[in-house]
C-alpha atoms as a PDB file:
ATOM      1  CA  MET A   1     119.585  81.142  83.292  1.00  0.00           C
ATOM      2  CA  ASP A   2     121.543  80.343  80.075  1.00  0.00           C
ATOM      3  CA  LYS A   3     124.675  82.436  79.539  1.00  0.00           C
ATOM      4  CA  PRO A   4     125.937  83.508  76.076  1.00  0.00           C
ATOM      5  CA  SER A   5     128.684  81.221  74.795  1.00  0.00           C
ATOM      6  CA  THR A   6     132.288  82.471  74.615  1.00  0.00           C
ATOM      7  CA  ASP A   7     132.237  82.177  70.816  1.00  0.00           C
ATOM      8  CA  ALA A   8     129.047  84.230  70.574  1.00  0.00           C
ATOM      9  CA  LEU A   9     130.473  86.902  72.851  1.00  0.00           C
ATOM     10  CA  ASN A  10     133.726  87.033  70.841  1.00  0.00           C
ATOM     11  CA  GLN A  11     131.749  87.405  67.625  1.00  0.00           C
ATOM     12  CA  SER A  12     129.804  90.311  69.139  1.00  0.00           C
ATOM     13  CA  LEU A  13     133.017  91.971  70.236  1.00  0.00           C
ATOM     14  CA  ASP A  14     134.496  91.516  66.763  1.00  0.00           C
ATOM     15  CA  LEU A  15     131.465  93.208  65.225  1.00  0.00           C
ATOM     16  CA  VAL A  16     131.756  96.123  67.633  1.00  0.00           C
ATOM     17  CA  VAL A  17     135.472  96.520  66.844  1.00  0.00           C
ATOM     18  CA  LEU A  18     134.721  96.520  63.108  1.00  0.00           C
ATOM     19  CA  LEU A  19     131.966  99.114  63.599  1.00  0.00           C
ATOM     20  CA  ILE A  20     134.247 101.357  65.639  1.00  0.00           C
ATOM     21  CA  SER A  21     137.017 101.067  63.046  1.00  0.00           C
ATOM     22  CA  TYR A  22     134.631 101.980  60.244  1.00  0.00           C
ATOM     23  CA  LEU A  23     133.242 104.985  62.093  1.00  0.00           C
ATOM     24  CA  LEU A  24     136.700 106.263  63.000  1.00  0.00           C
ATOM     25  CA  VAL A  25     137.760 106.106  59.347  1.00  0.00           C
ATOM     26  CA  GLU A  26     134.616 107.956  58.286  1.00  0.00           C
ATOM     27  CA  CYS A  27     135.194 110.639  60.913  1.00  0.00           C
ATOM     28  CA  ALA A  28     138.793 111.067  59.824  1.00  0.00           C
ATOM     29  CA  MET A  29     137.886 111.386  56.120  1.00  0.00           C
ATOM     30  CA  ARG A  30     135.043 113.858  56.707  1.00  0.00           C
ATOM     31  CA  LYS A  31     136.244 116.865  58.630  1.00  0.00           C
ATOM     32  CA  THR A  32     133.072 118.913  58.978  1.00  0.00           C
ATOM     33  CA  THR A  33     131.886 119.572  62.525  1.00  0.00           C
ATOM     34  CA  LEU A  34     128.384 118.262  61.835  1.00  0.00           C
ATOM     35  CA  THR A  35     129.706 115.016  60.411  1.00  0.00           C
ATOM     36  CA  ALA A  36     132.013 114.581  63.387  1.00  0.00           C
ATOM     37  CA  ILE A  37     129.075 114.938  65.739  1.00  0.00           C
ATOM     38  CA  VAL A  38     127.077 112.378  63.765  1.00  0.00           C
ATOM     39  CA  CYS A  39     130.012 109.985  63.828  1.00  0.00           C
ATOM     40  CA  LEU A  40     130.470 110.324  67.562  1.00  0.00           C
ATOM     41  CA  SER A  41     126.734 109.831  68.140  1.00  0.00           C
ATOM     42  CA  SER A  42     126.773 106.701  65.998  1.00  0.00           C
ATOM     43  CA  LEU A  43     129.777 105.452  67.927  1.00  0.00           C
ATOM     44  CA  ALA A  44     127.920 105.937  71.213  1.00  0.00           C
ATOM     45  CA  LEU A  45     124.921 104.036  69.837  1.00  0.00           C
ATOM     46  CA  GLY A  46     127.205 101.199  68.763  1.00  0.00           C
ATOM     47  CA  LEU A  47     128.703 100.959  72.254  1.00  0.00           C
ATOM     48  CA  SER A  48     125.234 100.882  73.859  1.00  0.00           C
ATOM     49  CA  GLY A  49     124.491  97.519  72.281  1.00  0.00           C
ATOM     50  CA  PHE A  50     125.243  95.696  75.524  1.00  0.00           C
ATOM     51  CA  ALA A  51     122.287  97.373  77.292  1.00  0.00           C
ATOM     52  CA  GLY A  52     118.870  95.697  77.440  1.00  0.00           C
ATOM     53  CA  GLU A  53     120.461  92.539  78.839  1.00  0.00           C
ATOM     54  CA  GLN A  54     118.742  90.059  81.110  1.00  0.00           C
ATOM     55  CA  ILE A  55     119.497  90.310  84.814  1.00  0.00           C
ATOM     56  CA  ASP A  56     119.427  87.582  87.468  1.00  0.00           C
ATOM     57  CA  GLU A  57     121.325  88.638  90.595  1.00  0.00           C
ATOM     58  CA  SER A  58     120.879  88.280  94.363  1.00  0.00           C
ATOM     59  CA  ARG A  59     122.563  89.408  97.595  1.00  0.00           C
ATOM     60  CA  THR A  60     122.186  88.315 101.218  1.00  0.00           C
ATOM     61  CA  VAL A  61     120.994  91.253 103.365  1.00  0.00           C
ATOM     62  CA  LEU A  62     119.676  92.070 106.839  1.00  0.00           C
ATOM     63  CA  ALA A  63     115.992  91.468 107.515  1.00  0.00           C
ATOM     64  CA  ASP A  64     115.335  95.146 108.307  1.00  0.00           C
ATOM     65  CA  SER A  65     117.385  96.669 105.497  1.00  0.00           C
ATOM     66  CA  PHE A  66     116.738 100.085 103.966  1.00  0.00           C
ATOM     67  CA  VAL A  67     116.305  99.422 100.233  1.00  0.00           C
ATOM     68  CA  THR A  68     116.608 102.284  97.737  1.00  0.00           C
ATOM     69  CA  ILE A  69     115.576 101.712  94.115  1.00  0.00           C
ATOM     70  CA  VAL A  70     116.115 104.262  91.325  1.00  0.00           C
ATOM     71  CA  ASN A  71     114.791 103.497  87.855  1.00  0.00           C
ATOM     72  CA  THR A  72     114.086 106.220  85.307  1.00  0.00           C
ATOM     73  CA  ARG A  73     111.599 104.367  83.112  1.00  0.00           C
ATOM     74  CA  GLY A  74     109.930 101.011  82.541  1.00  0.00           C
ATOM     75  CA  GLU A  75     108.142  98.704  84.966  1.00  0.00           C
ATOM     76  CA  LEU A  76     109.008  97.636  88.513  1.00  0.00           C
ATOM     77  CA  THR A  77     107.406  94.843  90.513  1.00  0.00           C
ATOM     78  CA  ILE A  78     108.617  94.713  94.122  1.00  0.00           C
ATOM     79  CA  VAL A  79     107.541  91.982  96.545  1.00  0.00           C
ATOM     80  CA  GLY A  80     108.329  91.491 100.218  1.00  0.00           C
ATOM     81  CA  THR A  81     109.314  87.947 101.252  1.00  0.00           C
ATOM     82  CA  ASN A  82     110.407  86.065 104.376  1.00  0.00           C
ATOM     83  CA  ASP A  83     113.952  85.596 102.998  1.00  0.00           C
ATOM     84  CA  ASN A  84     116.952  87.684 104.049  1.00  0.00           C
ATOM     85  CA  GLU A  85     117.816  88.291 100.426  1.00  0.00           C
ATOM     86  CA  VAL A  86     117.376  90.888  97.710  1.00  0.00           C
ATOM     87  CA  SER A  87     117.044  89.485  94.209  1.00  0.00           C
ATOM     88  CA  ILE A  88     116.629  91.156  90.811  1.00  0.00           C
ATOM     89  CA  GLU A  89     115.326  89.489  87.666  1.00  0.00           C
ATOM     90  CA  GLY A  90     114.246  90.883  84.325  1.00  0.00           C
ATOM     91  CA  ASP A  91     115.452  93.068  81.470  1.00  0.00           C
ATOM     92  CA  LEU A  92     117.511  96.238  81.762  1.00  0.00           C
ATOM     93  CA  ASP A  93     116.652  99.423  79.917  1.00  0.00           C
ATOM     94  CA  ASP A  94     117.808  99.387  76.279  1.00  0.00           C
ATOM     95  CA  LEU A  95     119.880 102.499  77.045  1.00  0.00           C
ATOM     96  CA  ALA A  96     121.254 101.398  80.412  1.00  0.00           C
ATOM     97  CA  ASP A  97     124.913 102.211  81.043  1.00  0.00           C
ATOM     98  CA  LYS A  98     125.017  99.821  83.987  1.00  0.00           C
ATOM     99  CA  LEU A  99     123.120  98.361  86.919  1.00  0.00           C
ATOM    100  CA  ILE A 100     124.289  99.380  90.385  1.00  0.00           C
ATOM    101  CA  PHE A 101     123.539  96.726  93.024  1.00  0.00           C
ATOM    102  CA  GLU A 102     125.303  97.518  96.290  1.00  0.00           C
ATOM    103  CA  VAL A 103     124.936  96.317  99.882  1.00  0.00           C
ATOM    104  CA  ASP A 104     126.520  98.296 102.724  1.00  0.00           C
ATOM    105  CA  GLU A 105     125.535  96.865 106.115  1.00  0.00           C
ATOM    106  CA  ASN A 106     121.762  97.518 106.348  1.00  0.00           C
ATOM    107  CA  ARG A 107     121.579  99.694 103.225  1.00  0.00           C
ATOM    108  CA  VAL A 108     120.855  98.379  99.744  1.00  0.00           C
ATOM    109  CA  LEU A 109     121.054 100.440  96.546  1.00  0.00           C
ATOM    110  CA  ILE A 110     119.630  99.343  93.215  1.00  0.00           C
ATOM    111  CA  GLU A 111     119.974 101.870  90.406  1.00  0.00           C
ATOM    112  CA  VAL A 112     119.673 101.625  86.646  1.00  0.00           C
ATOM    113  CA  LYS A 113     122.089 104.224  85.277  1.00  0.00           C
ATOM    114  CA  LEU A 114     121.100 105.874  81.995  1.00  0.00           C
ATOM    115  CA  PRO A 115     122.967 108.398  79.842  1.00  0.00           C
ATOM    116  CA  LYS A 116     122.171 112.038  80.546  1.00  0.00           C
ATOM    117  CA  TYR A 117     121.025 112.724  76.996  1.00  0.00           C
ATOM    118  CA  ASN A 118     118.789 111.249  74.277  1.00  0.00           C
ATOM    119  CA  ILE A 119     116.785 108.721  76.305  1.00  0.00           C
ATOM    120  CA  SER A 120     113.627 108.988  74.217  1.00  0.00           C
ATOM    121  CA  TRP A 121     114.022 105.721  72.296  1.00  0.00           C
ATOM    122  CA  GLY A 122     114.133 102.052  73.242  1.00  0.00           C
ATOM    123  CA  ASP A 123     112.332 100.116  75.975  1.00  0.00           C
ATOM    124  CA  GLY A 124     112.655 100.842  79.684  1.00  0.00           C
ATOM    125  CA  SER A 125     113.651  98.321  82.341  1.00  0.00           C
ATOM    126  CA  ASP A 126     111.250  95.527  83.282  1.00  0.00           C
ATOM    127  CA  LEU A 127     112.430  94.267  86.669  1.00  0.00           C
ATOM    128  CA  GLN A 128     111.054  91.954  89.351  1.00  0.00           C
ATOM    129  CA  ILE A 129     112.674  92.666  92.711  1.00  0.00           C
ATOM    130  CA  ARG A 130     112.240  90.672  95.918  1.00  0.00           C
ATOM    131  CA  ILE A 131     113.239  92.161  99.271  1.00  0.00           C
ATOM    132  CA  PRO A 132     112.841  91.142 102.940  1.00  0.00           C
ATOM    133  CA  ARG A 133     109.291  91.775 104.164  1.00  0.00           C
ATOM    134  CA  ASN A 134     110.417  94.020 107.054  1.00  0.00           C
ATOM    135  CA  SER A 135     112.542  96.273 104.851  1.00  0.00           C
ATOM    136  CA  ARG A 136     112.052 100.004 104.531  1.00  0.00           C
ATOM    137  CA  LEU A 137     111.629 100.804 100.854  1.00  0.00           C
ATOM    138  CA  SER A 138     112.229 103.963  98.806  1.00  0.00           C
ATOM    139  CA  VAL A 139     111.488 103.979  95.049  1.00  0.00           C
ATOM    140  CA  THR A 140     112.153 106.892  92.693  1.00  0.00           C
ATOM    141  CA  ALA A 141     111.214 106.935  89.002  1.00  0.00           C
ATOM    142  CA  VAL A 142     110.420 109.364  86.195  1.00  0.00           C
ATOM    143  CA  SER A 143     108.193 107.412  83.811  1.00  0.00           C
ATOM    144  CA  ALA A 144     107.467 103.988  85.263  1.00  0.00           C
ATOM    145  CA  ASP A 145     104.661 101.733  86.420  1.00  0.00           C
ATOM    146  CA  ILE A 146     105.413 100.549  89.958  1.00  0.00           C
ATOM    147  CA  ASP A 147     103.757  97.682  91.847  1.00  0.00           C
ATOM    148  CA  VAL A 148     104.743  97.084  95.493  1.00  0.00           C
ATOM    149  CA  SER A 149     103.257  94.385  97.746  1.00  0.00           C
ATOM    150  CA  GLN A 150     103.861  92.875 101.198  1.00  0.00           C
ATOM    151  CA  VAL A 151     106.563  95.337 102.275  1.00  0.00           C
ATOM    152  CA  GLU A 152     105.900  96.083 105.943  1.00  0.00           C
ATOM    153  CA  GLY A 153     108.766  98.287 107.162  1.00  0.00           C
ATOM    154  CA  GLY A 154     107.553 101.487 105.505  1.00  0.00           C
ATOM    155  CA  VAL A 155     107.235 102.542 101.858  1.00  0.00           C
ATOM    156  CA  ARG A 156     107.973 105.736  99.918  1.00  0.00           C
ATOM    157  CA  ILE A 157     107.266 105.868  96.158  1.00  0.00           C
ATOM    158  CA  LYS A 158     107.769 108.898  93.889  1.00  0.00           C
ATOM    159  CA  SER A 159     107.202 109.042  90.142  1.00  0.00           C
ATOM    160  CA  VAL A 160     106.438 111.736  87.593  1.00  0.00           C
ATOM    161  CA  SER A 161     104.265 109.655  85.270  1.00  0.00           C
ATOM    162  CA  GLY A 162     103.122 106.062  85.494  1.00  0.00           C
ATOM    163  CA  GLU A 163     100.671 104.070  87.578  1.00  0.00           C
ATOM    164  CA  LEU A 164     101.479 103.260  91.207  1.00  0.00           C
ATOM    165  CA  HIS A 165      99.993 100.322  93.099  1.00  0.00           C
ATOM    166  CA  LEU A 166     100.594  99.411  96.741  1.00  0.00           C
ATOM    167  CA  LYS A 167      99.228  96.394  98.613  1.00  0.00           C
ATOM    168  CA  GLY A 168      99.703  94.989 102.101  1.00  0.00           C
ATOM    169  CA  SER A 169     102.030  97.656 103.513  1.00  0.00           C
ATOM    170  CA  ARG A 170     102.380  98.495 107.219  1.00  0.00           C
ATOM    171  CA  GLU A 171     103.841 101.366 109.235  1.00  0.00           C
ATOM    172  CA  ARG A 172     104.125 104.512 107.062  1.00  0.00           C
ATOM    173  CA  SER A 173     103.392 104.710 103.343  1.00  0.00           C
ATOM    174  CA  PHE A 174     103.947 107.767 101.128  1.00  0.00           C
ATOM    175  CA  LEU A 175     103.039 107.770  97.417  1.00  0.00           C
ATOM    176  CA  SER A 176     103.428 110.685  95.019  1.00  0.00           C
ATOM    177  CA  ALA A 177     102.889 111.095  91.262  1.00  0.00           C
ATOM    178  CA  VAL A 178     102.256 113.929  88.836  1.00  0.00           C
ATOM    179  CA  SER A 179     100.134 112.368  86.103  1.00  0.00           C
ATOM    180  CA  GLY A 180      99.676 108.723  87.073  1.00  0.00           C
ATOM    181  CA  ASP A 181      96.802 106.981  88.866  1.00  0.00           C
ATOM    182  CA  ILE A 182      97.487 105.617  92.345  1.00  0.00           C
ATOM    183  CA  SER A 183      95.748 102.604  93.899  1.00  0.00           C
ATOM    184  CA  VAL A 184      96.237 101.231  97.417  1.00  0.00           C
ATOM    185  CA  GLU A 185      94.700  98.196  99.094  1.00  0.00           C
ATOM    186  CA  ASP A 186      94.862  96.265 102.368  1.00  0.00           C
ATOM    187  CA  THR A 187      97.186  98.680 104.176  1.00  0.00           C
ATOM    188  CA  THR A 188      97.567  99.828 107.788  1.00  0.00           C
ATOM    189  CA  GLY A 189      99.344 102.717 109.520  1.00  0.00           C
ATOM    190  CA  LEU A 190      99.835 106.242 108.235  1.00  0.00           C
ATOM    191  CA  LEU A 191      99.026 106.607 104.522  1.00  0.00           C
ATOM    192  CA  LYS A 192      99.762 109.762 102.538  1.00  0.00           C
ATOM    193  CA  VAL A 193      98.990 109.954  98.812  1.00  0.00           C
ATOM    194  CA  ASN A 194      99.135 112.889  96.417  1.00  0.00           C
ATOM    195  CA  THR A 195      98.876 113.337  92.671  1.00  0.00           C
ATOM    196  CA  VAL A 196      98.301 116.222  90.284  1.00  0.00           C
ATOM    197  CA  SER A 197      96.150 114.841  87.474  1.00  0.00           C
ATOM    198  CA  GLY A 198      95.770 111.165  88.357  1.00  0.00           C
ATOM    199  CA  ASP A 199      92.986 109.446  90.285  1.00  0.00           C
ATOM    200  CA  ILE A 200      93.439 108.016  93.789  1.00  0.00           C
ATOM    201  CA  GLU A 201      91.692 104.815  94.859  1.00  0.00           C
ATOM    202  CA  ILE A 202      92.016 103.388  98.381  1.00  0.00           C
ATOM    203  CA  ASP A 203      90.493 100.037  99.337  1.00  0.00           C
ATOM    204  CA  ASN A 204      90.472  98.706 102.907  1.00  0.00           C
ATOM    205  CA  HIS A 205      92.874 100.966 104.797  1.00  0.00           C
ATOM    206  CA  THR A 206      93.180 101.044 108.589  1.00  0.00           C
ATOM    207  CA  GLY A 207      94.843 104.084 110.145  1.00  0.00           C
ATOM    208  CA  SER A 208      95.366 107.789 109.516  1.00  0.00           C
ATOM    209  CA  ILE A 209      95.081 108.964 105.934  1.00  0.00           C
ATOM    210  CA  ASP A 210      95.993 112.103 103.966  1.00  0.00           C
ATOM    211  CA  LEU A 211      94.910 112.320 100.315  1.00  0.00           C
ATOM    212  CA  GLU A 212      95.459 115.173  97.842  1.00  0.00           C
ATOM    213  CA  SER A 213      94.768 115.610  94.133  1.00  0.00           C
ATOM    214  CA  VAL A 214      94.559 118.667  91.890  1.00  0.00           C
ATOM    215  CA  SER A 215      92.255 117.460  89.122  1.00  0.00           C
ATOM    216  CA  GLY A 216      91.875 113.740  89.771  1.00  0.00           C
ATOM    217  CA  GLU A 217      89.104 111.951  91.622  1.00  0.00           C
ATOM    218  CA  ILE A 218      89.566 110.453  95.095  1.00  0.00           C
ATOM    219  CA  ASP A 219      87.682 107.338  96.175  1.00  0.00           C
ATOM    220  CA  ALA A 220      88.561 105.792  99.546  1.00  0.00           C
ATOM    221  CA  GLU A 221      87.208 102.982 101.704  1.00  0.00           C
ATOM    222  CA  ILE A 222      88.633 103.172 105.229  1.00  0.00           C
ATOM    223  CA  ASP A 223      88.038 100.396 107.723  1.00  0.00           C
ATOM    224  CA  ALA A 224      88.981 102.284 110.906  1.00  0.00           C
ATOM    225  CA  THR A 225      90.661 105.656 111.395  1.00  0.00           C
ATOM    226  CA  ASN A 226      91.157 108.546 113.797  1.00  0.00           C
ATOM    227  CA  SER A 227      92.228 111.037 111.128  1.00  0.00           C
ATOM    228  CA  ILE A 228      91.107 111.749 107.540  1.00  0.00           C
ATOM    229  CA  GLN A 229      92.336 114.667 105.450  1.00  0.00           C
ATOM    230  CA  ALA A 230      91.321 114.831 101.802  1.00  0.00           C
ATOM    231  CA  GLY A 231      91.581 117.736  99.369  1.00  0.00           C
ATOM    232  CA  SER A 232      91.129 118.441  95.681  1.00  0.00           C
ATOM    233  CA  ILE A 233      90.887 121.443  93.361  1.00  0.00           C
ATOM    234  CA  SER A 234      88.493 120.146  90.723  1.00  0.00           C
ATOM    235  CA  GLY A 235      88.105 116.422  91.370  1.00  0.00           C
ATOM    236  CA  GLU A 236      85.336 114.699  93.311  1.00  0.00           C
ATOM    237  CA  ILE A 237      86.052 113.095  96.679  1.00  0.00           C
ATOM    238  CA  THR A 238      84.122 110.088  97.973  1.00  0.00           C
ATOM    239  CA  ILE A 239      85.003 108.523 101.325  1.00  0.00           C
ATOM    240  CA  ASP A 240      83.414 105.598 103.158  1.00  0.00           C
ATOM    241  CA  ALA A 241      84.825 105.327 106.667  1.00  0.00           C
ATOM    242  CA  LYS A 242      84.412 103.926 110.151  1.00  0.00           C
ATOM    243  CA  LEU A 243      85.547 106.531 112.667  1.00  0.00           C
ATOM    244  CA  GLU A 244      87.219 105.785 115.975  1.00  0.00           C
ATOM    245  CA  ASP A 245      86.306 107.843 119.056  1.00  0.00           C
ATOM    246  CA  GLY A 246      87.806 111.321 118.938  1.00  0.00           C
ATOM    247  CA  ALA A 247      88.467 111.175 115.191  1.00  0.00           C
ATOM    248  CA  TYR A 248      89.128 114.225 113.021  1.00  0.00           C
ATOM    249  CA  VAL A 249      87.863 114.523 109.431  1.00  0.00           C
ATOM    250  CA  GLU A 250      88.576 117.378 107.023  1.00  0.00           C
ATOM    251  CA  MET A 251      87.434 117.346 103.392  1.00  0.00           C
ATOM    252  CA  LYS A 252      87.845 120.329 101.083  1.00  0.00           C
ATOM    253  CA  SER A 253      87.511 121.175  97.405  1.00  0.00           C
ATOM    254  CA  VAL A 254      87.280 124.168  95.101  1.00  0.00           C
ATOM    255  CA  SER A 255      84.933 122.935  92.380  1.00  0.00           C
ATOM    256  CA  GLY A 256      84.565 119.225  93.108  1.00  0.00           C
ATOM    257  CA  SER A 257      81.803 117.532  95.079  1.00  0.00           C
ATOM    258  CA  LEU A 258      82.400 115.918  98.475  1.00  0.00           C
ATOM    259  CA  ARG A 259      80.623 112.835  99.864  1.00  0.00           C
ATOM    260  CA  LEU A 260      81.208 111.237 103.257  1.00  0.00           C
ATOM    261  CA  ASP A 261      79.538 107.954 104.240  1.00  0.00           C
ATOM    262  CA  LEU A 262      80.137 107.158 107.917  1.00  0.00           C
ATOM    263  CA  LYS A 263      79.805 103.798 109.621  1.00  0.00           C
ATOM    264  CA  GLY A 264      80.086 102.919 113.296  1.00  0.00           C
ATOM    265  CA  ASN A 265      80.651 105.828 115.697  1.00  0.00           C
ATOM    266  CA  GLN A 266      77.923 108.468 115.479  1.00  0.00           C
ATOM    267  CA  ASP A 267      79.242 110.887 118.138  1.00  0.00           C
ATOM    268  CA  LEU A 268      79.854 113.738 115.726  1.00  0.00           C
ATOM    269  CA  ASN A 269      80.320 117.481 115.595  1.00  0.00           C
ATOM    270  CA  VAL A 270      79.725 118.455 111.956  1.00  0.00           C
ATOM    271  CA  GLU A 271      80.490 121.687 110.067  1.00  0.00           C
ATOM    272  CA  MET A 272      79.594 122.038 106.366  1.00  0.00           C
ATOM    273  CA  GLU A 273      79.984 125.115 104.140  1.00  0.00           C
ATOM    274  CA  VAL A 274      79.676 125.867 100.419  1.00  0.00           C
ATOM    275  CA  ASN A 275      78.903 128.788  98.108  1.00  0.00           C
ATOM    276  CA  ALA A 276      75.299 129.333  97.062  1.00  0.00           C
ATOM    277  CA  SER A 277      75.921 127.506  93.764  1.00  0.00           C
ATOM    278  CA  GLY A 278      76.466 124.237  95.670  1.00  0.00           C
ATOM    279  CA  ASP A 279      74.058 122.127  97.705  1.00  0.00           C
ATOM    280  CA  ILE A 280      74.315 120.557 101.178  1.00  0.00           C
ATOM    281  CA  ASP A 281      72.694 117.154 101.634  1.00  0.00           C
ATOM    282  CA  ASN A 282      72.516 116.059 105.290  1.00  0.00           C
ATOM    283  CA  ARG A 283      71.316 112.482 105.758  1.00  0.00           C
ATOM    284  CA  LEU A 284      72.433 112.053 109.375  1.00  0.00           C
ATOM    285  CA  SER A 285      70.067 114.431 111.144  1.00  0.00           C
ATOM    286  CA  ASP A 286      67.097 116.759 110.667  1.00  0.00           C
ATOM    287  CA  ALA A 287      69.293 119.861 110.740  1.00  0.00           C
ATOM    288  CA  GLU A 288      68.987 122.088 107.655  1.00  0.00           C
ATOM    289  CA  ALA A 289      71.494 124.439 106.066  1.00  0.00           C
ATOM    290  CA  SER A 290      71.193 128.214 106.270  1.00  0.00           C
ATOM    291  CA  ASN A 291      71.722 130.439 103.223  1.00  0.00           C
ATOM    292  CA  LYS A 292      73.170 133.860 104.033  1.00  0.00           C
ATOM    293  CA  HIS A 293      75.433 136.254 102.159  1.00  0.00           C
ATOM    294  CA  GLY A 294      75.930 133.841  99.267  1.00  0.00           C
ATOM    295  CA  ARG A 295      77.081 130.977 101.502  1.00  0.00           C
ATOM    296  CA  LYS A 296      75.289 127.842 102.674  1.00  0.00           C
ATOM    297  CA  ARG A 297      76.236 126.612 106.141  1.00  0.00           C
ATOM    298  CA  LEU A 298      75.209 123.683 108.299  1.00  0.00           C
ATOM    299  CA  SER A 299      76.306 122.801 111.844  1.00  0.00           C
ATOM    300  CA  PHE A 300      74.967 120.009 114.035  1.00  0.00           C
ATOM    301  CA  THR A 301      75.991 117.609 116.781  1.00  0.00           C
ATOM    302  CA  ILE A 302      75.115 113.954 117.241  1.00  0.00           C
ATOM    303  CA  GLY A 303      75.700 112.195 120.564  1.00  0.00           C
ATOM    304  CA  SER A 304      78.685 113.465 122.540  1.00  0.00           C
ATOM    305  CA  GLY A 305      80.242 115.143 119.478  1.00  0.00           C
ATOM    306  CA  SER A 306      83.637 113.565 120.223  1.00  0.00           C
ATOM    307  CA  SER A 307      84.601 113.344 116.530  1.00  0.00           C
ATOM    308  CA  ASP A 308      84.941 116.505 114.422  1.00  0.00           C
ATOM    309  CA  VAL A 309      83.895 116.531 110.771  1.00  0.00           C
ATOM    310  CA  THR A 310      84.501 119.528 108.486  1.00  0.00           C
ATOM    311  CA  MET A 311      83.445 119.674 104.825  1.00  0.00           C
ATOM    312  CA  ARG A 312      84.053 122.794 102.715  1.00  0.00           C
ATOM    313  CA  ALA A 313      83.845 123.592  99.007  1.00  0.00           C
ATOM    314  CA  VAL A 314      83.635 126.685  96.837  1.00  0.00           C
ATOM    315  CA  SER A 315      81.218 125.464  94.170  1.00  0.00           C
ATOM    316  CA  GLY A 316      80.736 121.690  94.632  1.00  0.00           C
ATOM    317  CA  ASP A 317      77.956 119.777  96.359  1.00  0.00           C
ATOM    318  CA  LEU A 318      78.383 118.331  99.874  1.00  0.00           C
ATOM    319  CA  ARG A 319      76.754 115.176 101.204  1.00  0.00           C
ATOM    320  CA  ILE A 320      77.065 113.360 104.524  1.00  0.00           C
ATOM    321  CA  GLU A 321      75.311 110.146 105.513  1.00  0.00           C
END
């Protein structure tokens, strides 16, 4: 990557020195408190001109490193590779004070440091980060889109707002957001996902799964599992799954509808319950729901009943097939 010339850098420094000199004179001549604050703020803005720079750095690390990434805002793309190296490319946040990139034995820290005030203007960081495939990864953000793929040592992602996408992870994966959508594909192991107002979409997961949303919809396709837990307050939940022997399934909602489409194992013990305002649609057997005391209930067993399925809602519709 091309580096700025020495002359260009000296010219930039000269301009900064001139700006600082001018602001100091203005602050000295105008003695009101408000003006002093404005002058100091302008001085801080002048000094932040070195942020937003392009980054191209790398470090040699252990294959099973624990990588921690902290980035307040912007976009992150993180890819697992077969190299024992962590590399960072892209553009830093316009307000970045500095980039921390530290390696201490098997621990790696990457953090974009921002000022603690007035971070509402400028562009966030746009970084592409490559880490060893077998790394354990932890990512924390406030307002950022995060894309992680081919990291197999375990993944934890937390963000307040922004879309999260995970592909090809193994072991344990935990994803959490407040207002962003979350999508996951081609994963195995334990998967736990929760969001407040965003939607959750799972495609081709193998292993235990725990999904929660307050008002967003949940749509999951699960290849093989022995445990499914899915809950929502007002969003709909749709799950297509192949159950292993002895599996446990629990789906619950307050006002959203629940649908479960089962493939493979049909040794089931099923319990379904909803208020009278909701309907129960059973497409697996001839059993029919009862309607007593303002509640609709349905219980039935297929085969040995080795797998337990529970579906409950307050006012939504329930369907199993």
